Amino acid sequence: MGQRKKSIEECLATSQRKWYVDSGCSRHMTGDTSMFIDFTRKEKRFFSYGDNNQGKILGKGVVGNPSTTTIKDVMLVDGLKHNLLSISQTFLVMAWTS
């Protein structure tokens, strides 16, 4: 099994509350619905993993604690077990706010 395929399978197999900073991830994403403090459901949206398999996007919203830290524009992905922070999305937000 190739390293890329193994890492995709690990993301879909393990449930954790940690966030991973991912340079290959184009958007922030999680599979944990309980983390959302604001959520908008989306219909029939998909994205491609690095191995060209597709993930189903169920919606998008804000995760975190409003009194401390929040992360905006986080996609809820069906079956995803890791929480991924996109480096490119983070730097785009920092560029717009500075």
Protein backbone atom coordinates (compact mmCIF):
# COMPACT_ATOMS: atom_id res chain seq x y z
CA MET A 1 0.00 0.00 0.00
CA GLY A 2 1.38 3.42 -0.92
CA GLN A 3 2.14 6.00 1.79
CA ARG A 4 -0.46 8.45 0.39
CA LYS A 5 -3.25 5.84 0.39
CA LYS A 6 -2.31 4.76 3.92
CA SER A 7 -2.52 8.33 5.25
CA ILE A 8 -5.98 8.84 3.66
CA GLU A 9 -7.20 5.60 5.27
CA GLU A 10 -5.81 6.70 8.65
CA CYS A 11 -7.76 9.97 8.39
CA LEU A 12 -10.93 7.99 7.87
CA ALA A 13 -10.21 5.40 10.60
CA THR A 14 -9.21 7.27 13.77
CA SER A 15 -11.34 9.61 15.88
CA GLN A 16 -9.44 12.32 17.78
CA ARG A 17 -10.05 15.89 18.99
CA LYS A 18 -6.63 17.08 17.83
CA TRP A 19 -6.22 19.44 14.88
CA TYR A 20 -3.54 18.69 12.31
CA VAL A 21 -1.94 21.46 10.24
CA ASP A 22 -1.99 20.13 6.68
CA SER A 23 -0.09 21.80 3.85
CA GLY A 24 -1.87 19.64 1.24
CA CYS A 25 -5.36 20.46 2.47
CA SER A 26 -7.12 23.26 0.59
CA ARG A 27 -9.76 23.95 3.28
CA HIS A 28 -10.26 23.44 7.01
CA MET A 29 -12.26 20.24 7.55
CA THR A 30 -13.59 17.86 10.18
CA GLY A 31 -15.99 14.97 10.43
CA ASP A 32 -17.10 15.82 13.98
CA THR A 33 -20.51 17.52 14.00
CA SER A 34 -20.30 18.24 17.74
CA MET A 35 -17.55 20.82 17.19
CA PHE A 36 -19.76 23.25 15.26
CA ILE A 37 -21.22 26.33 16.97
CA ASP A 38 -22.72 27.52 13.66
CA PHE A 39 -23.44 25.28 10.69
CA THR A 40 -24.98 25.56 7.22
CA ARG A 41 -25.89 22.33 5.42
CA LYS A 42 -24.75 21.98 1.79
CA GLU A 43 -26.19 19.55 -0.73
CA LYS A 44 -24.28 17.38 -3.20
CA ARG A 45 -20.81 18.89 -2.83
CA PHE A 46 -17.63 16.86 -3.13
CA PHE A 47 -13.87 17.40 -3.02
CA SER A 48 -10.93 15.21 -4.03
CA TYR A 49 -8.39 13.70 -1.65
CA GLY A 50 -4.74 13.55 -2.73
CA ASP A 51 -5.29 10.05 -4.14
CA ASN A 52 -8.24 11.31 -6.28
CA ASN A 53 -10.91 9.60 -4.13
CA GLN A 54 -13.82 11.91 -3.36
CA GLY A 55 -15.14 13.05 0.01
CA LYS A 56 -18.71 14.24 0.50
CA ILE A 57 -19.08 17.73 1.98
CA LEU A 58 -22.14 17.85 4.23
CA GLY A 59 -21.88 21.54 5.07
CA LYS A 60 -19.73 24.37 6.39
CA GLY A 61 -19.57 26.47 9.53
CA VAL A 62 -17.72 27.74 12.59
CA VAL A 63 -16.11 25.48 15.20
CA GLY A 64 -14.68 26.29 18.61
CA ASN A 65 -15.71 28.27 21.66
CA PRO A 66 -17.06 31.79 21.03
CA SER A 67 -15.49 33.11 24.24
CA THR A 68 -11.98 31.92 23.36
CA THR A 69 -11.13 30.66 19.86
CA THR A 70 -13.15 29.96 16.73
CA ILE A 71 -12.26 28.67 13.28
CA LYS A 72 -14.46 29.88 10.43
CA ASP A 73 -15.29 28.20 7.12
CA VAL A 74 -14.72 24.64 8.34
CA MET A 75 -16.19 21.96 6.07
CA LEU A 76 -17.98 18.97 7.57
CA VAL A 77 -16.83 15.93 5.58
CA ASP A 78 -18.68 12.63 5.79
CA GLY A 79 -16.52 9.95 7.45
CA LEU A 80 -13.48 12.15 8.13
CA LYS A 81 -12.01 11.27 11.54
CA HIS A 82 -9.23 13.86 11.83
CA ASN A 83 -9.56 17.62 12.10
CA LEU A 84 -7.46 19.32 9.43
CA LEU A 85 -6.33 22.95 9.36
CA SER A 86 -5.42 24.19 5.92
CA ILE A 87 -2.22 26.22 5.83
CA SER A 88 -3.26 27.95 2.60
CA GLN A 89 -6.71 28.89 3.95
CA THR A 90 -5.15 30.18 7.19
CA PHE A 91 -2.68 32.41 5.34
CA LEU A 92 -5.41 33.78 3.06
CA VAL A 93 -7.40 34.86 6.12
CA MET A 94 -4.31 36.41 7.73
CA ALA A 95 -3.54 38.34 4.53
CA TRP A 96 -7.09 39.77 4.37
CA THR A 97 -7.12 40.80 8.03
CA SER A 98 -3.66 42.38 8.25
